[in-house]
């Protein structure tokens, strides 16, 4: 019987040497991939937070147009949370006072873990860095050009800026790996 021959009884398997070679190769691949994989996880968290925020901004803009009422997205800059605020419902009876009707606010939603909002606003009116900030959509779904700046707590150089174009509602997500906020240019009278 030659060294490469297998038993003729139908049982086949791997030798200990073959198993050890496979484990060695898996260990080498893992050692090369895992350190590089860690670089993608923070970026993925920041990408996900920016995309969720942009999608919800688009959703709220559509809701304002459908209802024909002013709706807003409130951002809590201190706690890194956001929520929708819808207009008060119409009067149900004639004896209800319109001023007593309250807007309906959803529960505060958290961003991704390790992601915080560091600023929100626009070039014309300034950027808020703490407290609450509201992005208000009118009954046509329009707003002023706004920006929301997100950052990783664990890597402050990773800054994503969500720029909202007021008239079109388009959200652009701009990435920066050097801590730079990428705000749109100031819109002035001569811009049109």
N, C-alpha and C. Protein backbone atom coordinates (compact mmCIF):
# COMPACT_ATOMS: atom_id res chain seq x y z
N UNK A 1 0.84 -1.16 0.00
CA UNK A 1 0.00 0.00 0.00
C UNK A 1 0.90 1.24 0.00
N UNK A 2 0.60 2.21 -0.91
CA UNK A 2 1.40 3.43 -0.99
C UNK A 2 0.98 4.39 0.10
N UNK A 3 1.82 5.39 0.45
CA UNK A 3 1.48 6.31 1.53
C UNK A 3 0.24 7.13 1.24
N UNK A 4 -0.08 7.39 -0.02
CA UNK A 4 -1.25 8.21 -0.34
C UNK A 4 -2.53 7.38 -0.44
N UNK A 5 -2.42 6.09 -0.36
CA UNK A 5 -3.60 5.23 -0.52
C UNK A 5 -4.48 5.30 0.72
N UNK A 6 -5.75 5.19 0.52
CA UNK A 6 -6.75 5.24 1.59
C UNK A 6 -7.30 3.84 1.81
N UNK A 7 -7.88 3.61 2.96
CA UNK A 7 -8.48 2.30 3.20
C UNK A 7 -9.61 2.04 2.20
N UNK A 8 -9.78 0.79 1.85
CA UNK A 8 -10.77 0.41 0.84
C UNK A 8 -12.15 0.17 1.44
N UNK A 9 -12.33 0.36 2.73
CA UNK A 9 -13.62 0.07 3.36
C UNK A 9 -14.64 1.18 3.18
N UNK A 10 -14.37 2.21 2.39
CA UNK A 10 -15.33 3.28 2.11
C UNK A 10 -15.26 4.45 3.07
N UNK A 11 -14.50 4.36 4.14
CA UNK A 11 -14.39 5.48 5.07
C UNK A 11 -13.26 6.40 4.61
N UNK A 12 -13.62 7.63 4.39
CA UNK A 12 -12.61 8.61 4.00
C UNK A 12 -12.64 9.75 4.98
N UNK A 13 -11.54 10.37 5.21
CA UNK A 13 -11.47 11.48 6.14
C UNK A 13 -10.23 12.30 5.87
N UNK A 14 -9.98 13.24 6.76
CA UNK A 14 -8.81 14.09 6.62
C UNK A 14 -7.74 13.61 7.60
N UNK A 15 -6.51 13.73 7.18
CA UNK A 15 -5.43 13.40 8.09
C UNK A 15 -5.22 14.58 9.03
N UNK A 16 -4.53 14.32 10.10
CA UNK A 16 -4.26 15.39 11.07
C UNK A 16 -3.43 16.50 10.44
N UNK A 17 -2.57 16.18 9.53
CA UNK A 17 -1.74 17.18 8.86
C UNK A 17 -2.63 18.10 8.01
N UNK A 18 -3.59 17.53 7.28
CA UNK A 18 -4.49 18.34 6.46
C UNK A 18 -5.33 19.28 7.32
N UNK A 19 -5.83 18.78 8.44
CA UNK A 19 -6.61 19.61 9.36
C UNK A 19 -5.75 20.74 9.92
N UNK A 20 -4.53 20.46 10.28
CA UNK A 20 -3.64 21.48 10.83
C UNK A 20 -3.31 22.56 9.79
N UNK A 21 -3.13 22.16 8.53
CA UNK A 21 -2.84 23.14 7.47
C UNK A 21 -4.04 24.06 7.26
N UNK A 22 -5.25 23.50 7.25
CA UNK A 22 -6.46 24.32 7.09
C UNK A 22 -6.60 25.29 8.26
N UNK A 23 -6.39 24.83 9.49
CA UNK A 23 -6.49 25.71 10.65
C UNK A 23 -5.43 26.81 10.60
N UNK A 24 -4.24 26.47 10.16
CA UNK A 24 -3.18 27.47 10.02
C UNK A 24 -3.57 28.54 9.00
N UNK A 25 -4.11 28.13 7.86
CA UNK A 25 -4.54 29.09 6.84
C UNK A 25 -5.68 29.98 7.35
N UNK A 26 -6.65 29.39 8.06
CA UNK A 26 -7.74 30.19 8.63
C UNK A 26 -7.21 31.19 9.65
N UNK A 27 -6.25 30.79 10.44
CA UNK A 27 -5.64 31.70 11.41
C UNK A 27 -4.93 32.86 10.74
N UNK A 28 -4.21 32.58 9.67
CA UNK A 28 -3.52 33.65 8.94
C UNK A 28 -4.51 34.62 8.30
N UNK A 29 -5.55 34.10 7.69
CA UNK A 29 -6.56 34.96 7.07
C UNK A 29 -7.24 35.83 8.12
N UNK A 30 -7.57 35.23 9.26
CA UNK A 30 -8.21 35.99 10.34
C UNK A 30 -7.27 37.08 10.86
N UNK A 31 -6.01 36.76 11.00
CA UNK A 31 -5.04 37.74 11.50
C UNK A 31 -4.87 38.91 10.54
N UNK A 32 -5.04 38.67 9.26
CA UNK A 32 -4.92 39.75 8.28
C UNK A 32 -6.20 40.56 8.14
N UNK A 33 -7.35 39.92 8.26
CA UNK A 33 -8.63 40.57 7.99
C UNK A 33 -9.16 41.35 9.20
N UNK A 34 -9.09 40.79 10.39
CA UNK A 34 -9.70 41.42 11.56
C UNK A 34 -9.19 42.83 11.85
N UNK A 35 -7.89 43.10 11.82
CA UNK A 35 -7.46 44.48 12.07
C UNK A 35 -8.01 45.46 11.03
N UNK A 36 -8.12 45.06 9.79
CA UNK A 36 -8.66 45.94 8.75
C UNK A 36 -10.17 46.06 8.84
N UNK A 37 -10.84 45.03 9.32
CA UNK A 37 -12.29 45.06 9.44
C UNK A 37 -12.73 46.08 10.48
N UNK A 38 -11.92 46.26 11.52
CA UNK A 38 -12.25 47.23 12.56
C UNK A 38 -12.33 48.66 12.04
N UNK A 39 -11.62 48.96 10.97
CA UNK A 39 -11.66 50.31 10.40
C UNK A 39 -12.99 50.58 9.70
N UNK A 40 -13.68 49.54 9.23
CA UNK A 40 -14.93 49.73 8.52
C UNK A 40 -16.13 49.88 9.46
N UNK A 41 -16.06 49.34 10.65
CA UNK A 41 -17.20 49.36 11.56
C UNK A 41 -17.58 50.79 11.97
N UNK A 42 -16.65 51.64 12.43
CA UNK A 42 -17.06 53.01 12.78
C UNK A 42 -17.64 53.77 11.59
N UNK A 43 -17.05 53.62 10.42
CA UNK A 43 -17.57 54.29 9.23
C UNK A 43 -18.98 53.80 8.92
N UNK A 44 -19.22 52.52 9.10
CA UNK A 44 -20.56 51.96 8.85
C UNK A 44 -21.58 52.54 9.82
N UNK A 45 -21.19 52.73 11.08
CA UNK A 45 -22.13 53.33 12.06
C UNK A 45 -22.48 54.76 11.67
N UNK A 46 -21.47 55.52 11.28
CA UNK A 46 -21.71 56.91 10.88
C UNK A 46 -22.52 56.97 9.59
N UNK A 47 -22.22 56.09 8.64
CA UNK A 47 -23.02 56.02 7.39
C UNK A 47 -24.47 55.69 7.71
N UNK A 48 -24.69 54.70 8.56
CA UNK A 48 -26.06 54.29 8.89
C UNK A 48 -26.82 55.42 9.57
N UNK A 49 -26.19 56.11 10.50
CA UNK A 49 -26.86 57.21 11.20
C UNK A 49 -27.23 58.33 10.23
N UNK A 50 -26.32 58.67 9.33
CA UNK A 50 -26.59 59.74 8.36
C UNK A 50 -27.69 59.34 7.39
N UNK A 51 -27.67 58.09 6.94
CA UNK A 51 -28.70 57.63 6.00
C UNK A 51 -30.07 57.53 6.65
N UNK A 52 -30.12 57.08 7.89
CA UNK A 52 -31.41 57.03 8.61
C UNK A 52 -31.95 58.44 8.81
N UNK A 53 -31.10 59.36 9.19
CA UNK A 53 -31.53 60.75 9.37
C UNK A 53 -32.01 61.35 8.06
N UNK A 54 -31.28 61.14 6.96
CA UNK A 54 -31.68 61.66 5.66
C UNK A 54 -33.01 61.05 5.20
N UNK A 55 -33.19 59.76 5.41
CA UNK A 55 -34.45 59.11 5.02
C UNK A 55 -35.62 59.65 5.82
N UNK A 56 -35.41 59.90 7.11
CA UNK A 56 -36.50 60.44 7.93
C UNK A 56 -36.79 61.90 7.60
N UNK A 57 -35.80 62.64 7.20
CA UNK A 57 -36.02 64.02 6.75
C UNK A 57 -36.88 64.00 5.49
N UNK A 58 -36.55 63.11 4.57
CA UNK A 58 -37.34 62.97 3.33
C UNK A 58 -38.76 62.54 3.65
N UNK A 59 -38.92 61.62 4.59
CA UNK A 59 -40.24 61.16 4.99
C UNK A 59 -41.07 62.29 5.59
N UNK A 60 -40.46 63.09 6.45
CA UNK A 60 -41.18 64.20 7.08
C UNK A 60 -41.55 65.27 6.05
N UNK A 61 -40.67 65.53 5.11
CA UNK A 61 -40.97 66.49 4.05
C UNK A 61 -42.20 66.04 3.25
N UNK A 62 -42.25 64.75 2.93
CA UNK A 62 -43.40 64.21 2.22
C UNK A 62 -44.67 64.31 3.06
N UNK A 63 -44.55 64.04 4.34
CA UNK A 63 -45.71 64.12 5.24
C UNK A 63 -46.26 65.54 5.31
N UNK A 64 -45.38 66.54 5.35
CA UNK A 64 -45.83 67.93 5.37
C UNK A 64 -46.60 68.27 4.10
N UNK A 65 -46.12 67.77 2.97
CA UNK A 65 -46.82 68.01 1.69
C UNK A 65 -48.16 67.30 1.64
N UNK A 66 -48.19 66.06 2.13
CA UNK A 66 -49.44 65.29 2.09
C UNK A 66 -50.49 65.92 2.99
N UNK A 67 -50.10 66.27 4.22
CA UNK A 67 -51.05 66.86 5.15
C UNK A 67 -51.35 68.32 4.83
N UNK A 68 -50.45 68.96 4.09
CA UNK A 68 -50.63 70.38 3.82
C UNK A 68 -50.47 71.22 5.08
N UNK A 69 -49.63 70.74 6.01
CA UNK A 69 -49.42 71.41 7.28
C UNK A 69 -47.93 71.47 7.60
N UNK A 70 -47.58 72.37 8.49
CA UNK A 70 -46.21 72.51 8.93
C UNK A 70 -45.83 71.34 9.83
N UNK A 71 -44.73 70.68 9.53
CA UNK A 71 -44.18 69.59 10.33
C UNK A 71 -42.72 69.91 10.62
N UNK A 72 -42.19 69.35 11.69
CA UNK A 72 -40.78 69.64 11.99
C UNK A 72 -40.07 68.41 12.54
N UNK A 73 -38.77 68.44 12.38
CA UNK A 73 -37.88 67.43 12.93
C UNK A 73 -37.07 68.12 14.01
N UNK A 74 -37.25 67.70 15.25
CA UNK A 74 -36.49 68.28 16.36
C UNK A 74 -35.25 67.45 16.63
N UNK A 75 -34.14 68.12 16.79
CA UNK A 75 -32.87 67.48 17.13
C UNK A 75 -32.46 67.92 18.52
N UNK A 76 -32.19 66.97 19.39
CA UNK A 76 -31.66 67.28 20.71
C UNK A 76 -30.14 67.14 20.62
N UNK A 77 -29.46 68.26 20.48
CA UNK A 77 -28.02 68.26 20.24
C UNK A 77 -27.22 67.78 21.46
N UNK A 78 -27.79 67.93 22.65
CA UNK A 78 -27.08 67.51 23.85
C UNK A 78 -27.11 66.00 24.05
N UNK A 79 -28.20 65.37 23.63
CA UNK A 79 -28.36 63.93 23.86
C UNK A 79 -28.25 63.08 22.61
N UNK A 80 -28.08 63.70 21.45
CA UNK A 80 -27.95 62.95 20.21
C UNK A 80 -29.21 62.20 19.81
N UNK A 81 -30.36 62.82 20.02
CA UNK A 81 -31.63 62.18 19.67
C UNK A 81 -32.41 63.09 18.73
N UNK A 82 -33.45 62.52 18.11
CA UNK A 82 -34.30 63.29 17.20
C UNK A 82 -35.73 62.75 17.29
N UNK A 83 -36.68 63.57 16.85
CA UNK A 83 -38.08 63.14 16.82
C UNK A 83 -38.87 63.98 15.83
N UNK A 84 -40.00 63.45 15.39
CA UNK A 84 -40.94 64.18 14.54
C UNK A 84 -41.90 64.95 15.43
N UNK A 85 -42.28 66.14 14.97
CA UNK A 85 -43.33 66.91 15.63
C UNK A 85 -44.36 67.25 14.56
N UNK A 86 -45.58 66.72 14.75
CA UNK A 86 -46.65 66.94 13.78
C UNK A 86 -47.58 68.03 14.29
N UNK A 87 -48.28 68.70 13.39
CA UNK A 87 -49.17 69.78 13.81
C UNK A 87 -50.35 69.23 14.61
N UNK A 88 -51.02 70.10 15.37
CA UNK A 88 -52.19 69.62 16.11
C UNK A 88 -53.27 69.17 15.13
N UNK A 89 -54.05 68.21 15.58
CA UNK A 89 -55.16 67.74 14.75
C UNK A 89 -56.20 68.85 14.61
N UNK A 90 -57.02 68.75 13.60
CA UNK A 90 -58.08 69.73 13.41
C UNK A 90 -59.09 69.64 14.55
N UNK A 91 -59.84 70.73 14.73
CA UNK A 91 -60.85 70.74 15.78
C UNK A 91 -61.88 69.65 15.51
N UNK A 92 -62.27 68.95 16.56
CA UNK A 92 -63.28 67.91 16.42
C UNK A 92 -64.67 68.46 16.69
N UNK A 93 -64.76 69.45 17.55
CA UNK A 93 -66.06 70.06 17.86
C UNK A 93 -65.92 71.57 17.78
N UNK A 94 -67.03 72.25 17.65
CA UNK A 94 -66.99 73.71 17.52
C UNK A 94 -66.64 74.40 18.83
N UNK A 95 -66.80 73.73 19.96
CA UNK A 95 -66.48 74.39 21.22
C UNK A 95 -65.00 74.23 21.61
N UNK A 96 -64.20 73.53 20.81
CA UNK A 96 -62.78 73.43 21.08
C UNK A 96 -62.08 74.71 20.64
N UNK A 97 -61.15 75.18 21.45
CA UNK A 97 -60.36 76.34 21.12
C UNK A 97 -59.13 75.89 20.33
N UNK A 98 -58.88 76.49 19.19
CA UNK A 98 -57.77 76.08 18.33
C UNK A 98 -56.43 76.23 19.05
N UNK A 99 -56.26 77.26 19.86
CA UNK A 99 -55.00 77.49 20.56
C UNK A 99 -54.72 76.41 21.62
N UNK A 100 -55.76 75.74 22.11
CA UNK A 100 -55.54 74.73 23.15
C UNK A 100 -55.08 73.39 22.57
N UNK A 101 -55.16 73.23 21.27
CA UNK A 101 -54.73 71.98 20.66
C UNK A 101 -53.20 71.93 20.64
N UNK A 102 -52.65 70.81 21.05
CA UNK A 102 -51.21 70.64 21.16
C UNK A 102 -50.65 69.90 19.94
N UNK A 103 -49.43 70.25 19.51
CA UNK A 103 -48.79 69.46 18.46
C UNK A 103 -48.49 68.05 19.01
N UNK A 104 -48.44 67.09 18.12
CA UNK A 104 -48.16 65.71 18.51
C UNK A 104 -46.69 65.42 18.22
N UNK A 105 -45.97 65.07 19.26
CA UNK A 105 -44.53 64.76 19.10
C UNK A 105 -44.31 63.28 19.32
N UNK A 106 -43.52 62.68 18.45
CA UNK A 106 -43.15 61.28 18.61
C UNK A 106 -42.12 61.14 19.72
N UNK A 107 -41.81 59.89 20.08
CA UNK A 107 -40.78 59.61 21.07
C UNK A 107 -39.41 59.98 20.49
N UNK A 108 -38.50 60.34 21.36
CA UNK A 108 -37.14 60.65 20.93
C UNK A 108 -36.48 59.37 20.44
N UNK A 109 -35.78 59.45 19.32
CA UNK A 109 -35.07 58.32 18.71
C UNK A 109 -33.57 58.53 18.87
N UNK A 110 -32.87 57.47 19.24
CA UNK A 110 -31.42 57.54 19.38
C UNK A 110 -30.74 57.36 18.03
N UNK A 111 -29.59 57.97 17.87
CA UNK A 111 -28.74 57.71 16.73
C UNK A 111 -28.00 56.40 16.97
N UNK A 112 -27.18 56.00 16.03
CA UNK A 112 -26.34 54.81 16.21
C UNK A 112 -25.42 55.01 17.42
N UNK A 113 -25.01 53.91 18.02
CA UNK A 113 -24.07 53.97 19.13
C UNK A 113 -22.77 54.63 18.66
N UNK A 114 -22.21 55.49 19.49
CA UNK A 114 -20.94 56.17 19.24
C UNK A 114 -21.08 57.33 18.25
N UNK A 115 -22.31 57.70 17.86
CA UNK A 115 -22.52 58.82 16.93
C UNK A 115 -23.23 59.93 17.68
N UNK A 116 -22.77 61.16 17.48
CA UNK A 116 -23.41 62.31 18.12
C UNK A 116 -23.64 63.42 17.09
N UNK A 117 -24.63 64.25 17.38
CA UNK A 117 -24.89 65.44 16.57
C UNK A 117 -24.08 66.57 17.19
N UNK A 118 -23.20 67.18 16.39
CA UNK A 118 -22.38 68.25 16.97
C UNK A 118 -22.85 69.64 16.59
N UNK A 119 -23.66 69.73 15.52
CA UNK A 119 -24.17 71.04 15.12
C UNK A 119 -25.33 70.85 14.15
N UNK A 120 -26.19 71.86 14.10
CA UNK A 120 -27.30 71.88 13.14
C UNK A 120 -27.66 73.33 12.87
N UNK A 121 -28.06 73.62 11.65
CA UNK A 121 -28.43 74.98 11.28
C UNK A 121 -28.06 75.28 9.85
N UNK A 122 -27.78 76.56 9.59
CA UNK A 122 -27.37 76.97 8.24
C UNK A 122 -26.40 78.13 8.32
N UNK A 123 -25.81 78.43 7.18
CA UNK A 123 -24.80 79.48 7.12
C UNK A 123 -25.38 80.86 7.44
N UNK A 124 -26.62 81.11 7.00
CA UNK A 124 -27.20 82.44 7.17
C UNK A 124 -27.52 82.76 8.63
N UNK A 125 -28.07 81.77 9.35
CA UNK A 125 -28.54 82.02 10.72
C UNK A 125 -27.60 81.45 11.78
N UNK A 126 -26.59 80.74 11.37
CA UNK A 126 -25.64 80.17 12.32
C UNK A 126 -25.93 78.72 12.65
N UNK A 127 -24.95 78.08 13.23
CA UNK A 127 -25.05 76.67 13.58
C UNK A 127 -25.24 76.53 15.08
N UNK A 128 -26.31 75.83 15.48
CA UNK A 128 -26.55 75.55 16.90
C UNK A 128 -25.67 74.38 17.31
N UNK A 129 -25.09 74.48 18.50
CA UNK A 129 -24.21 73.42 18.98
C UNK A 129 -24.74 72.73 20.22
N UNK A 130 -25.78 73.27 20.84
CA UNK A 130 -26.40 72.61 22.00
C UNK A 130 -27.87 72.99 22.07
N UNK A 131 -28.58 72.33 22.97
CA UNK A 131 -30.03 72.56 23.09
C UNK A 131 -30.78 71.78 22.02
N UNK A 132 -31.97 72.26 21.69
CA UNK A 132 -32.76 71.62 20.64
C UNK A 132 -32.79 72.52 19.41
N UNK A 133 -32.86 71.89 18.28
CA UNK A 133 -32.92 72.60 17.01
C UNK A 133 -34.00 71.95 16.17
N UNK A 134 -34.84 72.76 15.52
CA UNK A 134 -35.93 72.22 14.71
C UNK A 134 -35.72 72.55 13.24
N UNK A 135 -35.86 71.54 12.41
CA UNK A 135 -35.91 71.72 10.96
C UNK A 135 -37.39 71.73 10.61
N UNK A 136 -37.90 72.87 10.20
CA UNK A 136 -39.33 73.05 9.99
C UNK A 136 -39.64 73.02 8.50
N UNK A 137 -40.61 72.18 8.14
CA UNK A 137 -41.10 72.11 6.76
C UNK A 137 -42.47 72.77 6.71
N UNK A 138 -42.68 73.68 5.74
CA UNK A 138 -43.97 74.34 5.62
C UNK A 138 -44.98 73.41 4.95
N UNK A 139 -46.18 73.91 4.69
CA UNK A 139 -47.26 73.07 4.15
C UNK A 139 -46.95 72.56 2.73
N UNK A 140 -45.97 73.16 2.07
CA UNK A 140 -45.54 72.67 0.74
C UNK A 140 -44.33 71.73 0.82
N UNK A 141 -43.84 71.49 2.02
CA UNK A 141 -42.67 70.63 2.20
C UNK A 141 -41.36 71.35 1.98
N UNK A 142 -41.37 72.67 2.01
CA UNK A 142 -40.15 73.46 1.81
C UNK A 142 -39.57 73.88 3.16
N UNK A 143 -38.29 74.10 3.16
CA UNK A 143 -37.58 74.60 4.34
C UNK A 143 -36.41 75.44 3.85
N UNK A 144 -35.71 76.05 4.76
CA UNK A 144 -34.46 76.72 4.40
C UNK A 144 -33.39 75.66 4.22
N UNK A 145 -32.31 76.00 3.51
CA UNK A 145 -31.18 75.08 3.43
C UNK A 145 -30.67 74.84 4.85
N UNK A 146 -30.52 73.59 5.21
CA UNK A 146 -30.10 73.23 6.57
C UNK A 146 -28.97 72.22 6.51
N UNK A 147 -28.22 72.12 7.57
CA UNK A 147 -27.17 71.12 7.70
C UNK A 147 -27.24 70.50 9.08
N UNK A 148 -27.00 69.19 9.15
CA UNK A 148 -26.87 68.47 10.41
C UNK A 148 -25.51 67.79 10.37
N UNK A 149 -24.69 68.07 11.38
CA UNK A 149 -23.32 67.56 11.40
C UNK A 149 -23.23 66.45 12.45
N UNK A 150 -22.79 65.27 11.99
CA UNK A 150 -22.63 64.10 12.86
C UNK A 150 -21.15 63.78 13.02
N UNK A 151 -20.81 63.21 14.17
CA UNK A 151 -19.41 62.86 14.43
C UNK A 151 -19.36 61.59 15.27
N UNK A 152 -18.29 60.84 15.08
CA UNK A 152 -18.04 59.68 15.95
C UNK A 152 -17.43 60.17 17.25
N UNK A 153 -17.91 59.68 18.35
CA UNK A 153 -17.34 60.03 19.65
C UNK A 153 -15.94 59.44 19.77
N UNK A 154 -15.77 58.20 19.30
CA UNK A 154 -14.48 57.52 19.43
C UNK A 154 -13.42 58.03 18.45
N UNK A 155 -13.85 58.69 17.37
CA UNK A 155 -12.90 59.24 16.40
C UNK A 155 -13.43 60.60 15.92
N UNK A 156 -13.13 61.68 16.63
CA UNK A 156 -13.68 63.00 16.30
C UNK A 156 -13.29 63.51 14.92
N UNK A 157 -12.34 62.89 14.25
CA UNK A 157 -11.98 63.31 12.90
C UNK A 157 -12.96 62.81 11.85
N UNK A 158 -13.77 61.83 12.20
CA UNK A 158 -14.78 61.33 11.25
C UNK A 158 -16.05 62.15 11.43
N UNK A 159 -16.31 63.05 10.47
CA UNK A 159 -17.45 63.97 10.53
C UNK A 159 -18.25 63.83 9.25
N UNK A 160 -19.52 63.53 9.39
CA UNK A 160 -20.41 63.44 8.24
C UNK A 160 -21.40 64.60 8.33
N UNK A 161 -21.63 65.29 7.23
CA UNK A 161 -22.56 66.41 7.19
C UNK A 161 -23.73 66.06 6.28
N UNK A 162 -24.94 66.15 6.83
CA UNK A 162 -26.15 65.93 6.04
C UNK A 162 -26.66 67.32 5.65
N UNK A 163 -26.56 67.65 4.37
CA UNK A 163 -27.03 68.94 3.87
C UNK A 163 -28.39 68.76 3.22
N UNK A 164 -29.37 69.55 3.66
CA UNK A 164 -30.73 69.49 3.15
C UNK A 164 -30.96 70.70 2.27
N UNK A 165 -31.31 70.46 1.04
CA UNK A 165 -31.65 71.55 0.12
C UNK A 165 -33.12 71.88 0.34
N UNK A 166 -33.38 73.11 0.75
CA UNK A 166 -34.72 73.50 1.17
C UNK A 166 -35.80 73.36 0.12
N UNK A 167 -35.54 73.82 -1.09
CA UNK A 167 -36.59 73.81 -2.11
C UNK A 167 -36.80 72.44 -2.73
N UNK A 168 -35.76 71.69 -2.92
CA UNK A 168 -35.89 70.37 -3.54
C UNK A 168 -36.05 69.26 -2.52
N UNK A 169 -35.60 69.48 -1.29
CA UNK A 169 -35.66 68.45 -0.26
C UNK A 169 -34.57 67.42 -0.38
N UNK A 170 -33.66 67.59 -1.33
CA UNK A 170 -32.59 66.62 -1.53
C UNK A 170 -31.62 66.67 -0.36
N UNK A 171 -31.24 65.49 0.13
CA UNK A 171 -30.25 65.39 1.20
C UNK A 171 -28.95 64.85 0.64
N UNK A 172 -27.88 65.59 0.85
CA UNK A 172 -26.55 65.15 0.46
C UNK A 172 -25.78 64.81 1.71
N UNK A 173 -25.08 63.68 1.68
CA UNK A 173 -24.25 63.27 2.82
C UNK A 173 -22.79 63.41 2.39
N UNK A 174 -22.08 64.30 3.08
CA UNK A 174 -20.68 64.55 2.76
C UNK A 174 -19.80 64.03 3.89
N UNK A 175 -18.76 63.29 3.53
CA UNK A 175 -17.87 62.67 4.50
C UNK A 175 -16.58 63.46 4.64
N UNK A 176 -16.10 63.51 5.87
CA UNK A 176 -14.80 64.14 6.13
C UNK A 176 -14.05 63.27 7.14
N UNK A 177 -12.79 62.98 6.83
CA UNK A 177 -11.97 62.20 7.74
C UNK A 177 -10.95 63.07 8.47
N UNK A 178 -11.08 64.40 8.32
CA UNK A 178 -10.16 65.31 9.01
C UNK A 178 -10.90 66.28 9.93
N UNK A 179 -12.15 65.95 10.30
CA UNK A 179 -12.91 66.75 11.25
C UNK A 179 -13.54 67.99 10.68
N UNK A 180 -13.59 68.13 9.36
CA UNK A 180 -14.11 69.34 8.73
C UNK A 180 -15.61 69.22 8.47
N UNK A 181 -16.35 70.26 8.86
CA UNK A 181 -17.78 70.34 8.54
C UNK A 181 -17.92 70.88 7.12
N UNK A 182 -18.65 70.19 6.28
CA UNK A 182 -18.79 70.59 4.88
C UNK A 182 -20.17 71.21 4.65
N UNK A 183 -20.28 72.47 4.98
CA UNK A 183 -21.54 73.18 4.87
C UNK A 183 -21.69 73.78 3.48
N UNK A 184 -22.93 73.89 2.99
CA UNK A 184 -23.11 74.53 1.68
C UNK A 184 -22.77 76.01 1.75
N UNK A 185 -22.49 76.58 0.61
CA UNK A 185 -22.18 78.00 0.57
C UNK A 185 -23.39 78.82 0.96
N UNK A 186 -23.12 79.98 1.54
CA UNK A 186 -24.19 80.88 1.95
C UNK A 186 -24.99 81.33 0.74
N UNK A 187 -26.31 81.28 0.86
CA UNK A 187 -27.19 81.73 -0.20
C UNK A 187 -27.55 83.19 0.05
N UNK A 188 -27.23 84.02 -0.89
CA UNK A 188 -27.53 85.43 -0.75
C UNK A 188 -28.43 85.93 -1.86
N UNK A 189 -28.65 87.22 -1.88
CA UNK A 189 -29.55 87.83 -2.84
C UNK A 189 -29.05 87.67 -4.26
N UNK A 190 -27.76 87.71 -4.47
CA UNK A 190 -27.20 87.61 -5.81
C UNK A 190 -27.06 86.18 -6.32
N UNK A 191 -27.50 85.20 -5.54
CA UNK A 191 -27.35 83.80 -5.92
C UNK A 191 -28.37 83.35 -6.94
N UNK A 192 -29.36 84.17 -7.22
CA UNK A 192 -30.45 83.73 -8.10
C UNK A 192 -30.34 84.35 -9.47
